[in-house]
Amino acid sequence: KTIPGLRLAQKYAVRCGGGVNHRIGLFD
């Protein structure tokens, strides 16, 4: 549930805050 076009950027920001990345998309 990310801003369209900025998924990788927001996933990086989650890591900056100490969170863990779930799947990036429907492919992984």
mmCIF file of all heavy atoms, coordinates in Angstrom:
data_MODEL
# 
_entry.id   MODEL 
# 
loop_
_atom_site.group_PDB 
_atom_site.id 
_atom_site.type_symbol 
_atom_site.label_atom_id 
_atom_site.label_alt_id 
_atom_site.label_comp_id 
_atom_site.label_asym_id 
_atom_site.label_entity_id 
_atom_site.label_seq_id 
_atom_site.pdbx_PDB_ins_code 
_atom_site.Cartn_x 
_atom_site.Cartn_y 
_atom_site.Cartn_z 
_atom_site.occupancy 
_atom_site.B_iso_or_equiv 
_atom_site.pdbx_formal_charge 
_atom_site.auth_seq_id 
_atom_site.auth_comp_id 
_atom_site.auth_asym_id 
_atom_site.auth_atom_id 
_atom_site.pdbx_PDB_model_num 
ATOM 1   N N   . LYS A 1 1  ? 0.847  -1.197  0.000  1.00 0.00 ? 1  LYS A N   1 
ATOM 2   C CA  . LYS A 1 1  ? 0.000  0.000   0.000  1.00 0.00 ? 1  LYS A CA  1 
ATOM 3   C C   . LYS A 1 1  ? 0.881  1.246   0.000  1.00 0.00 ? 1  LYS A C   1 
ATOM 4   O O   . LYS A 1 1  ? 0.957  1.995   0.973  1.00 0.00 ? 1  LYS A O   1 
ATOM 5   C CB  . LYS A 1 1  ? -0.945 -0.026  1.194  1.00 0.00 ? 1  LYS A CB  1 
ATOM 6   C CG  . LYS A 1 1  ? -1.915 -1.200  1.150  1.00 0.00 ? 1  LYS A CG  1 
ATOM 7   C CD  . LYS A 1 1  ? -2.763 -1.294  2.403  1.00 0.00 ? 1  LYS A CD  1 
ATOM 8   C CE  . LYS A 1 1  ? -3.689 -2.507  2.348  1.00 0.00 ? 1  LYS A CE  1 
ATOM 9   N NZ  . LYS A 1 1  ? -4.489 -2.657  3.583  1.00 0.00 ? 1  LYS A NZ  1 
ATOM 10  N N   . THR A 1 2  ? 1.538  1.459   -1.133 1.00 0.00 ? 2  THR A N   1 
ATOM 11  C CA  . THR A 1 2  ? 2.500  2.551   -1.271 1.00 0.00 ? 2  THR A CA  1 
ATOM 12  C C   . THR A 1 2  ? 2.010  3.564   -2.300 1.00 0.00 ? 2  THR A C   1 
ATOM 13  O O   . THR A 1 2  ? 1.097  3.291   -3.079 1.00 0.00 ? 2  THR A O   1 
ATOM 14  C CB  . THR A 1 2  ? 3.860  1.998   -1.714 1.00 0.00 ? 2  THR A CB  1 
ATOM 15  O OG1 . THR A 1 2  ? 3.684  1.198   -2.898 1.00 0.00 ? 2  THR A OG1 1 
ATOM 16  C CG2 . THR A 1 2  ? 4.478  1.128   -0.637 1.00 0.00 ? 2  THR A CG2 1 
ATOM 17  N N   . ILE A 1 3  ? 2.635  4.733   -2.314 1.00 0.00 ? 3  ILE A N   1 
ATOM 18  C CA  . ILE A 1 3  ? 2.324  5.753   -3.306 1.00 0.00 ? 3  ILE A CA  1 
ATOM 19  C C   . ILE A 1 3  ? 2.766  5.235   -4.678 1.00 0.00 ? 3  ILE A C   1 
ATOM 20  O O   . ILE A 1 3  ? 3.918  4.813   -4.837 1.00 0.00 ? 3  ILE A O   1 
ATOM 21  C CB  . ILE A 1 3  ? 3.027  7.070   -2.970 1.00 0.00 ? 3  ILE A CB  1 
ATOM 22  C CG1 . ILE A 1 3  ? 2.478  7.621   -1.652 1.00 0.00 ? 3  ILE A CG1 1 
ATOM 23  C CG2 . ILE A 1 3  ? 2.879  8.091   -4.090 1.00 0.00 ? 3  ILE A CG2 1 
ATOM 24  C CD1 . ILE A 1 3  ? 3.226  8.811   -1.117 1.00 0.00 ? 3  ILE A CD1 1 
ATOM 25  N N   . PRO A 1 4  ? 1.894  5.229   -5.681 1.00 0.00 ? 4  PRO A N   1 
ATOM 26  C CA  . PRO A 1 4  ? 2.265  4.701   -6.994 1.00 0.00 ? 4  PRO A CA  1 
ATOM 27  C C   . PRO A 1 4  ? 3.544  5.341   -7.525 1.00 0.00 ? 4  PRO A C   1 
ATOM 28  O O   . PRO A 1 4  ? 3.691  6.565   -7.503 1.00 0.00 ? 4  PRO A O   1 
ATOM 29  C CB  . PRO A 1 4  ? 1.055  5.039   -7.872 1.00 0.00 ? 4  PRO A CB  1 
ATOM 30  C CG  . PRO A 1 4  ? -0.097 5.067   -6.916 1.00 0.00 ? 4  PRO A CG  1 
ATOM 31  C CD  . PRO A 1 4  ? 0.477  5.651   -5.653 1.00 0.00 ? 4  PRO A CD  1 
ATOM 32  N N   . GLY A 1 5  ? 4.458  4.491   -7.968 1.00 0.00 ? 5  GLY A N   1 
ATOM 33  C CA  . GLY A 1 5  ? 5.709  4.976   -8.525 1.00 0.00 ? 5  GLY A CA  1 
ATOM 34  C C   . GLY A 1 5  ? 6.813  5.200   -7.525 1.00 0.00 ? 5  GLY A C   1 
ATOM 35  O O   . GLY A 1 5  ? 7.958  5.427   -7.900 1.00 0.00 ? 5  GLY A O   1 
ATOM 36  N N   . LEU A 1 6  ? 6.498  5.134   -6.241 1.00 0.00 ? 6  LEU A N   1 
ATOM 37  C CA  . LEU A 1 6  ? 7.505  5.394   -5.202 1.00 0.00 ? 6  LEU A CA  1 
ATOM 38  C C   . LEU A 1 6  ? 7.653  4.217   -4.235 1.00 0.00 ? 6  LEU A C   1 
ATOM 39  O O   . LEU A 1 6  ? 8.073  4.396   -3.091 1.00 0.00 ? 6  LEU A O   1 
ATOM 40  C CB  . LEU A 1 6  ? 7.161  6.661   -4.419 1.00 0.00 ? 6  LEU A CB  1 
ATOM 41  C CG  . LEU A 1 6  ? 7.336  7.985   -5.170 1.00 0.00 ? 6  LEU A CG  1 
ATOM 42  C CD1 . LEU A 1 6  ? 6.902  9.145   -4.288 1.00 0.00 ? 6  LEU A CD1 1 
ATOM 43  C CD2 . LEU A 1 6  ? 8.778  8.171   -5.627 1.00 0.00 ? 6  LEU A CD2 1 
ATOM 44  N N   . ARG A 1 7  ? 7.338  3.008   -4.697 1.00 0.00 ? 7  ARG A N   1 
ATOM 45  C CA  . ARG A 1 7  ? 7.385  1.861   -3.784 1.00 0.00 ? 7  ARG A CA  1 
ATOM 46  C C   . ARG A 1 7  ? 8.780  1.610   -3.240 1.00 0.00 ? 7  ARG A C   1 
ATOM 47  O O   . ARG A 1 7  ? 8.963  1.439   -2.039 1.00 0.00 ? 7  ARG A O   1 
ATOM 48  C CB  . ARG A 1 7  ? 6.854  0.602   -4.472 1.00 0.00 ? 7  ARG A CB  1 
ATOM 49  C CG  . ARG A 1 7  ? 6.943  -0.638  -3.576 1.00 0.00 ? 7  ARG A CG  1 
ATOM 50  C CD  . ARG A 1 7  ? 6.101  -1.767  -4.079 1.00 0.00 ? 7  ARG A CD  1 
ATOM 51  N NE  . ARG A 1 7  ? 4.699  -1.391  -4.090 1.00 0.00 ? 7  ARG A NE  1 
ATOM 52  C CZ  . ARG A 1 7  ? 3.750  -2.123  -4.670 1.00 0.00 ? 7  ARG A CZ  1 
ATOM 53  N NH1 . ARG A 1 7  ? 4.066  -3.235  -5.294 1.00 0.00 ? 7  ARG A NH1 1 
ATOM 54  N NH2 . ARG A 1 7  ? 2.490  -1.736  -4.634 1.00 0.00 ? 7  ARG A NH2 1 
ATOM 55  N N   . LEU A 1 8  ? 9.775  1.576   -4.121 1.00 0.00 ? 8  LEU A N   1 
ATOM 56  C CA  . LEU A 1 8  ? 11.130 1.289   -3.652 1.00 0.00 ? 8  LEU A CA  1 
ATOM 57  C C   . LEU A 1 8  ? 11.617 2.368   -2.688 1.00 0.00 ? 8  LEU A C   1 
ATOM 58  O O   . LEU A 1 8  ? 12.304 2.072   -1.708 1.00 0.00 ? 8  LEU A O   1 
ATOM 59  C CB  . LEU A 1 8  ? 12.093 1.154   -4.828 1.00 0.00 ? 8  LEU A CB  1 
ATOM 60  C CG  . LEU A 1 8  ? 11.880 -0.052  -5.749 1.00 0.00 ? 8  LEU A CG  1 
ATOM 61  C CD1 . LEU A 1 8  ? 12.934 -0.059  -6.847 1.00 0.00 ? 8  LEU A CD1 1 
ATOM 62  C CD2 . LEU A 1 8  ? 11.918 -1.361  -4.963 1.00 0.00 ? 8  LEU A CD2 1 
ATOM 63  N N   . ALA A 1 9  ? 11.255 3.614   -2.966 1.00 0.00 ? 9  ALA A N   1 
ATOM 64  C CA  . ALA A 1 9  ? 11.652 4.710   -2.086 1.00 0.00 ? 9  ALA A CA  1 
ATOM 65  C C   . ALA A 1 9  ? 11.011 4.556   -0.708 1.00 0.00 ? 9  ALA A C   1 
ATOM 66  O O   . ALA A 1 9  ? 11.671 4.715   0.330  1.00 0.00 ? 9  ALA A O   1 
ATOM 67  C CB  . ALA A 1 9  ? 11.269 6.050   -2.707 1.00 0.00 ? 9  ALA A CB  1 
ATOM 68  N N   . GLN A 1 10 ? 9.722  4.248   -0.670 1.00 0.00 ? 10 GLN A N   1 
ATOM 69  C CA  . GLN A 1 10 ? 9.050  4.107   0.617  1.00 0.00 ? 10 GLN A CA  1 
ATOM 70  C C   . GLN A 1 10 ? 9.490  2.847   1.360  1.00 0.00 ? 10 GLN A C   1 
ATOM 71  O O   . GLN A 1 10 ? 9.579  2.842   2.592  1.00 0.00 ? 10 GLN A O   1 
ATOM 72  C CB  . GLN A 1 10 ? 7.535  4.109   0.430  1.00 0.00 ? 10 GLN A CB  1 
ATOM 73  C CG  . GLN A 1 10 ? 6.958  5.500   0.191  1.00 0.00 ? 10 GLN A CG  1 
ATOM 74  C CD  . GLN A 1 10 ? 5.455  5.520   0.375  1.00 0.00 ? 10 GLN A CD  1 
ATOM 75  O OE1 . GLN A 1 10 ? 4.718  5.013   -0.461 1.00 0.00 ? 10 GLN A OE1 1 
ATOM 76  N NE2 . GLN A 1 10 ? 5.006  6.089   1.475  1.00 0.00 ? 10 GLN A NE2 1 
ATOM 77  N N   . LYS A 1 11 ? 9.777  1.780   0.615  1.00 0.00 ? 11 LYS A N   1 
ATOM 78  C CA  . LYS A 1 11 ? 10.294 0.570   1.257  1.00 0.00 ? 11 LYS A CA  1 
ATOM 79  C C   . LYS A 1 11 ? 11.647 0.869   1.920  1.00 0.00 ? 11 LYS A C   1 
ATOM 80  O O   . LYS A 1 11 ? 11.941 0.372   3.016  1.00 0.00 ? 11 LYS A O   1 
ATOM 81  C CB  . LYS A 1 11 ? 10.442 -0.545  0.228  1.00 0.00 ? 11 LYS A CB  1 
ATOM 82  C CG  . LYS A 1 11 ? 9.129  -1.078  -0.333 1.00 0.00 ? 11 LYS A CG  1 
ATOM 83  C CD  . LYS A 1 11 ? 8.564  -2.171  0.527  1.00 0.00 ? 11 LYS A CD  1 
ATOM 84  C CE  . LYS A 1 11 ? 7.363  -2.839  -0.118 1.00 0.00 ? 11 LYS A CE  1 
ATOM 85  N NZ  . LYS A 1 11 ? 6.822  -3.946  0.704  1.00 0.00 ? 11 LYS A NZ  1 
ATOM 86  N N   . TYR A 1 12 ? 12.463 1.676   1.253  1.00 0.00 ? 12 TYR A N   1 
ATOM 87  C CA  . TYR A 1 12 ? 13.737 2.092   1.842  1.00 0.00 ? 12 TYR A CA  1 
ATOM 88  C C   . TYR A 1 12 ? 13.490 2.909   3.113  1.00 0.00 ? 12 TYR A C   1 
ATOM 89  O O   . TYR A 1 12 ? 14.163 2.727   4.134  1.00 0.00 ? 12 TYR A O   1 
ATOM 90  C CB  . TYR A 1 12 ? 14.528 2.909   0.825  1.00 0.00 ? 12 TYR A CB  1 
ATOM 91  C CG  . TYR A 1 12 ? 15.741 3.608   1.384  1.00 0.00 ? 12 TYR A CG  1 
ATOM 92  C CD1 . TYR A 1 12 ? 16.907 2.907   1.687  1.00 0.00 ? 12 TYR A CD1 1 
ATOM 93  C CD2 . TYR A 1 12 ? 15.729 4.981   1.612  1.00 0.00 ? 12 TYR A CD2 1 
ATOM 94  C CE1 . TYR A 1 12 ? 18.033 3.554   2.212  1.00 0.00 ? 12 TYR A CE1 1 
ATOM 95  C CE2 . TYR A 1 12 ? 16.846 5.641   2.126  1.00 0.00 ? 12 TYR A CE2 1 
ATOM 96  C CZ  . TYR A 1 12 ? 17.991 4.911   2.423  1.00 0.00 ? 12 TYR A CZ  1 
ATOM 97  O OH  . TYR A 1 12 ? 19.090 5.553   2.929  1.00 0.00 ? 12 TYR A OH  1 
ATOM 98  N N   . ALA A 1 13 ? 12.522 3.800   3.072  1.00 0.00 ? 13 ALA A N   1 
ATOM 99  C CA  . ALA A 1 13 ? 12.219 4.632   4.240  1.00 0.00 ? 13 ALA A CA  1 
ATOM 100 C C   . ALA A 1 13 ? 11.758 3.787   5.425  1.00 0.00 ? 13 ALA A C   1 
ATOM 101 O O   . ALA A 1 13 ? 12.074 4.091   6.577  1.00 0.00 ? 13 ALA A O   1 
ATOM 102 C CB  . ALA A 1 13 ? 11.164 5.673   3.881  1.00 0.00 ? 13 ALA A CB  1 
ATOM 103 N N   . VAL A 1 14 ? 11.003 2.731   5.142  1.00 0.00 ? 14 VAL A N   1 
ATOM 104 C CA  . VAL A 1 14 ? 10.587 1.822   6.218  1.00 0.00 ? 14 VAL A CA  1 
ATOM 105 C C   . VAL A 1 14 ? 11.812 1.216   6.897  1.00 0.00 ? 14 VAL A C   1 
ATOM 106 O O   . VAL A 1 14 ? 11.878 1.123   8.119  1.00 0.00 ? 14 VAL A O   1 
ATOM 107 C CB  . VAL A 1 14 ? 9.662  0.717   5.659  1.00 0.00 ? 14 VAL A CB  1 
ATOM 108 C CG1 . VAL A 1 14 ? 9.513  -0.430  6.660  1.00 0.00 ? 14 VAL A CG1 1 
ATOM 109 C CG2 . VAL A 1 14 ? 8.296  1.301   5.320  1.00 0.00 ? 14 VAL A CG2 1 
ATOM 110 N N   . ARG A 1 15 ? 12.802 0.829   6.099  1.00 0.00 ? 15 ARG A N   1 
ATOM 111 C CA  . ARG A 1 15 ? 14.027 0.276   6.670  1.00 0.00 ? 15 ARG A CA  1 
ATOM 112 C C   . ARG A 1 15 ? 14.762 1.333   7.497  1.00 0.00 ? 15 ARG A C   1 
ATOM 113 O O   . ARG A 1 15 ? 15.353 1.015   8.530  1.00 0.00 ? 15 ARG A O   1 
ATOM 114 C CB  . ARG A 1 15 ? 14.927 -0.264  5.552  1.00 0.00 ? 15 ARG A CB  1 
ATOM 115 C CG  . ARG A 1 15 ? 14.372 -1.484  4.840  1.00 0.00 ? 15 ARG A CG  1 
ATOM 116 C CD  . ARG A 1 15 ? 14.550 -2.764  5.638  1.00 0.00 ? 15 ARG A CD  1 
ATOM 117 N NE  . ARG A 1 15 ? 15.933 -3.198  5.590  1.00 0.00 ? 15 ARG A NE  1 
ATOM 118 C CZ  . ARG A 1 15 ? 16.463 -3.944  4.623  1.00 0.00 ? 15 ARG A CZ  1 
ATOM 119 N NH1 . ARG A 1 15 ? 15.706 -4.321  3.586  1.00 0.00 ? 15 ARG A NH1 1 
ATOM 120 N NH2 . ARG A 1 15 ? 17.726 -4.318  4.662  1.00 0.00 ? 15 ARG A NH2 1 
ATOM 121 N N   . CYS A 1 16 ? 14.738 2.582   7.044  1.00 0.00 ? 16 CYS A N   1 
ATOM 122 C CA  . CYS A 1 16 ? 15.364 3.652   7.826  1.00 0.00 ? 16 CYS A CA  1 
ATOM 123 C C   . CYS A 1 16 ? 14.720 3.779   9.200  1.00 0.00 ? 16 CYS A C   1 
ATOM 124 O O   . CYS A 1 16 ? 15.384 4.160   10.174 1.00 0.00 ? 16 CYS A O   1 
ATOM 125 C CB  . CYS A 1 16 ? 15.254 4.982   7.084  1.00 0.00 ? 16 CYS A CB  1 
ATOM 126 S SG  . CYS A 1 16 ? 16.310 5.113   5.619  1.00 0.00 ? 16 CYS A SG  1 
ATOM 127 N N   . GLY A 1 17 ? 13.438 3.474   9.286  1.00 0.00 ? 17 GLY A N   1 
ATOM 128 C CA  . GLY A 1 17 ? 12.730 3.554   10.555 1.00 0.00 ? 17 GLY A CA  1 
ATOM 129 C C   . GLY A 1 17 ? 12.820 2.300   11.398 1.00 0.00 ? 17 GLY A C   1 
ATOM 130 O O   . GLY A 1 17 ? 12.257 2.250   12.492 1.00 0.00 ? 17 GLY A O   1 
ATOM 131 N N   . GLY A 1 18 ? 13.526 1.272   10.896 1.00 0.00 ? 18 GLY A N   1 
ATOM 132 C CA  . GLY A 1 18 ? 13.696 0.054   11.666 1.00 0.00 ? 18 GLY A CA  1 
ATOM 133 C C   . GLY A 1 18 ? 12.729 -1.058  11.337 1.00 0.00 ? 18 GLY A C   1 
ATOM 134 O O   . GLY A 1 18 ? 12.727 -2.107  11.989 1.00 0.00 ? 18 GLY A O   1 
ATOM 135 N N   . GLY A 1 19 ? 11.897 -0.853  10.308 1.00 0.00 ? 19 GLY A N   1 
ATOM 136 C CA  . GLY A 1 19 ? 10.967 -1.894  9.887  1.00 0.00 ? 19 GLY A CA  1 
ATOM 137 C C   . GLY A 1 19 ? 11.607 -2.876  8.928  1.00 0.00 ? 19 GLY A C   1 
ATOM 138 O O   . GLY A 1 19 ? 12.757 -2.727  8.516  1.00 0.00 ? 19 GLY A O   1 
ATOM 139 N N   . VAL A 1 20 ? 10.851 -3.894  8.556  1.00 0.00 ? 20 VAL A N   1 
ATOM 140 C CA  . VAL A 1 20 ? 11.306 -4.956  7.667  1.00 0.00 ? 20 VAL A CA  1 
ATOM 141 C C   . VAL A 1 20 ? 10.470 -4.919  6.390  1.00 0.00 ? 20 VAL A C   1 
ATOM 142 O O   . VAL A 1 20 ? 9.250  -4.751  6.451  1.00 0.00 ? 20 VAL A O   1 
ATOM 143 C CB  . VAL A 1 20 ? 11.173 -6.337  8.343  1.00 0.00 ? 20 VAL A CB  1 
ATOM 144 C CG1 . VAL A 1 20 ? 11.573 -7.457  7.392  1.00 0.00 ? 20 VAL A CG1 1 
ATOM 145 C CG2 . VAL A 1 20 ? 12.014 -6.389  9.614  1.00 0.00 ? 20 VAL A CG2 1 
ATOM 146 N N   . ASN A 1 21 ? 11.114 -5.062  5.253  1.00 0.00 ? 21 ASN A N   1 
ATOM 147 C CA  . ASN A 1 21 ? 10.385 -5.080  3.986  1.00 0.00 ? 21 ASN A CA  1 
ATOM 148 C C   . ASN A 1 21 ? 9.703  -6.422  3.763  1.00 0.00 ? 21 ASN A C   1 
ATOM 149 O O   . ASN A 1 21 ? 10.322 -7.477  3.877  1.00 0.00 ? 21 ASN A O   1 
ATOM 150 C CB  . ASN A 1 21 ? 11.319 -4.798  2.802  1.00 0.00 ? 21 ASN A CB  1 
ATOM 151 C CG  . ASN A 1 21 ? 11.881 -3.406  2.801  1.00 0.00 ? 21 ASN A CG  1 
ATOM 152 O OD1 . ASN A 1 21 ? 12.969 -3.181  2.300  1.00 0.00 ? 21 ASN A OD1 1 
ATOM 153 N ND2 . ASN A 1 21 ? 11.158 -2.438  3.358  1.00 0.00 ? 21 ASN A ND2 1 
ATOM 154 N N   . HIS A 1 22 ? 8.421  -6.368  3.436  1.00 0.00 ? 22 HIS A N   1 
ATOM 155 C CA  . HIS A 1 22 ? 7.658  -7.532  3.002  1.00 0.00 ? 22 HIS A CA  1 
ATOM 156 C C   . HIS A 1 22 ? 7.947  -7.690  1.513  1.00 0.00 ? 22 HIS A C   1 
ATOM 157 O O   . HIS A 1 22 ? 8.914  -7.133  0.992  1.00 0.00 ? 22 HIS A O   1 
ATOM 158 C CB  . HIS A 1 22 ? 6.172  -7.273  3.277  1.00 0.00 ? 22 HIS A CB  1 
ATOM 159 C CG  . HIS A 1 22 ? 5.366  -8.511  3.502  1.00 0.00 ? 22 HIS A CG  1 
ATOM 160 N ND1 . HIS A 1 22 ? 5.587  -9.691  2.831  1.00 0.00 ? 22 HIS A ND1 1 
ATOM 161 C CD2 . HIS A 1 22 ? 4.317  -8.748  4.342  1.00 0.00 ? 22 HIS A CD2 1 
ATOM 162 C CE1 . HIS A 1 22 ? 4.715  -10.607 3.233  1.00 0.00 ? 22 HIS A CE1 1 
ATOM 163 N NE2 . HIS A 1 22 ? 3.931  -10.057 4.159  1.00 0.00 ? 22 HIS A NE2 1 
ATOM 164 N N   . ARG A 1 23 ? 7.110  -8.404  0.800  1.00 0.00 ? 23 ARG A N   1 
ATOM 165 C CA  . ARG A 1 23 ? 7.346  -8.568  -0.641 1.00 0.00 ? 23 ARG A CA  1 
ATOM 166 C C   . ARG A 1 23 ? 7.314  -7.214  -1.337 1.00 0.00 ? 23 ARG A C   1 
ATOM 167 O O   . ARG A 1 23 ? 6.552  -6.316  -0.958 1.00 0.00 ? 23 ARG A O   1 
ATOM 168 C CB  . ARG A 1 23 ? 6.335  -9.526  -1.256 1.00 0.00 ? 23 ARG A CB  1 
ATOM 169 C CG  . ARG A 1 23 ? 4.868  -9.126  -1.049 1.00 0.00 ? 23 ARG A CG  1 
ATOM 170 C CD  . ARG A 1 23 ? 3.945  -10.124 -1.722 1.00 0.00 ? 23 ARG A CD  1 
ATOM 171 N NE  . ARG A 1 23 ? 2.553  -9.741  -1.505 1.00 0.00 ? 23 ARG A NE  1 
ATOM 172 C CZ  . ARG A 1 23 ? 1.533  -10.179 -2.245 1.00 0.00 ? 23 ARG A CZ  1 
ATOM 173 N NH1 . ARG A 1 23 ? 1.758  -11.008 -3.237 1.00 0.00 ? 23 ARG A NH1 1 
ATOM 174 N NH2 . ARG A 1 23 ? 0.305  -9.790  -1.988 1.00 0.00 ? 23 ARG A NH2 1 
ATOM 175 N N   . ILE A 1 24 ? 8.149  -7.067  -2.352 1.00 0.00 ? 24 ILE A N   1 
ATOM 176 C CA  . ILE A 1 24 ? 8.215  -5.816  -3.097 1.00 0.00 ? 24 ILE A CA  1 
ATOM 177 C C   . ILE A 1 24 ? 7.014  -5.679  -4.022 1.00 0.00 ? 24 ILE A C   1 
ATOM 178 O O   . ILE A 1 24 ? 6.453  -4.594  -4.207 1.00 0.00 ? 24 ILE A O   1 
ATOM 179 C CB  . ILE A 1 24 ? 9.520  -5.733  -3.903 1.00 0.00 ? 24 ILE A CB  1 
ATOM 180 C CG1 . ILE A 1 24 ? 10.728 -5.785  -2.953 1.00 0.00 ? 24 ILE A CG1 1 
ATOM 181 C CG2 . ILE A 1 24 ? 9.568  -4.455  -4.744 1.00 0.00 ? 24 ILE A CG2 1 
ATOM 182 C CD1 . ILE A 1 24 ? 10.779 -4.669  -1.944 1.00 0.00 ? 24 ILE A CD1 1 
ATOM 183 N N   . GLY A 1 25 ? 6.606  -6.789  -4.644 1.00 0.00 ? 25 GLY A N   1 
ATOM 184 C CA  . GLY A 1 25 ? 5.468  -6.751  -5.558 1.00 0.00 ? 25 GLY A CA  1 
ATOM 185 C C   . GLY A 1 25 ? 4.827  -8.123  -5.659 1.00 0.00 ? 25 GLY A C   1 
ATOM 186 O O   . GLY A 1 25 ? 5.022  -8.989  -4.794 1.00 0.00 ? 25 GLY A O   1 
ATOM 187 N N   . LEU A 1 26 ? 4.098  -8.335  -6.725 1.00 0.00 ? 26 LEU A N   1 
ATOM 188 C CA  . LEU A 1 26 ? 3.399  -9.596  -6.935 1.00 0.00 ? 26 LEU A CA  1 
ATOM 189 C C   . LEU A 1 26 ? 4.303  -10.695 -7.466 1.00 0.00 ? 26 LEU A C   1 
ATOM 190 O O   . LEU A 1 26 ? 3.856  -11.830 -7.630 1.00 0.00 ? 26 LEU A O   1 
ATOM 191 C CB  . LEU A 1 26 ? 2.237  -9.378  -7.914 1.00 0.00 ? 26 LEU A CB  1 
ATOM 192 C CG  . LEU A 1 26 ? 1.135  -8.438  -7.440 1.00 0.00 ? 26 LEU A CG  1 
ATOM 193 C CD1 . LEU A 1 26 ? 0.152  -8.159  -8.571 1.00 0.00 ? 26 LEU A CD1 1 
ATOM 194 C CD2 . LEU A 1 26 ? 0.420  -9.013  -6.229 1.00 0.00 ? 26 LEU A CD2 1 
ATOM 195 N N   . PHE A 1 27 ? 5.572  -10.376 -7.701 1.00 0.00 ? 27 PHE A N   1 
ATOM 196 C CA  . PHE A 1 27 ? 6.489  -11.285 -8.388 1.00 0.00 ? 27 PHE A CA  1 
ATOM 197 C C   . PHE A 1 27 ? 7.458  -12.017 -7.483 1.00 0.00 ? 27 PHE A C   1 
ATOM 198 O O   . PHE A 1 27 ? 8.031  -13.033 -7.882 1.00 0.00 ? 27 PHE A O   1 
ATOM 199 C CB  . PHE A 1 27 ? 7.299  -10.488 -9.426 1.00 0.00 ? 27 PHE A CB  1 
ATOM 200 C CG  . PHE A 1 27 ? 8.025  -9.308  -8.833 1.00 0.00 ? 27 PHE A CG  1 
ATOM 201 C CD1 . PHE A 1 27 ? 9.283  -9.446  -8.261 1.00 0.00 ? 27 PHE A CD1 1 
ATOM 202 C CD2 . PHE A 1 27 ? 7.414  -8.055  -8.806 1.00 0.00 ? 27 PHE A CD2 1 
ATOM 203 C CE1 . PHE A 1 27 ? 9.924  -8.356  -7.691 1.00 0.00 ? 27 PHE A CE1 1 
ATOM 204 C CE2 . PHE A 1 27 ? 8.067  -6.965  -8.229 1.00 0.00 ? 27 PHE A CE2 1 
ATOM 205 C CZ  . PHE A 1 27 ? 9.316  -7.116  -7.673 1.00 0.00 ? 27 PHE A CZ  1 
ATOM 206 N N   . ASP A 1 28 ? 7.685  -11.532 -6.256 1.00 0.00 ? 28 ASP A N   1 
ATOM 207 C CA  . ASP A 1 28 ? 8.751  -12.103 -5.436 1.00 0.00 ? 28 ASP A CA  1 
ATOM 208 C C   . ASP A 1 28 ? 8.255  -12.943 -4.269 1.00 0.00 ? 28 ASP A C   1 
ATOM 209 O O   . ASP A 1 28 ? 9.049  -13.429 -3.459 1.00 0.00 ? 28 ASP A O   1 
ATOM 210 C CB  . ASP A 1 28 ? 9.701  -11.009 -4.934 1.00 0.00 ? 28 ASP A CB  1 
ATOM 211 C CG  . ASP A 1 28 ? 9.004  -9.956  -4.083 1.00 0.00 ? 28 ASP A CG  1 
ATOM 212 O OD1 . ASP A 1 28 ? 7.761  -9.886  -4.115 1.00 0.00 ? 28 ASP A OD1 1 
ATOM 213 O OD2 . ASP A 1 28 ? 9.698  -9.191  -3.404 1.00 0.00 ? 28 ASP A OD2 1 
# 
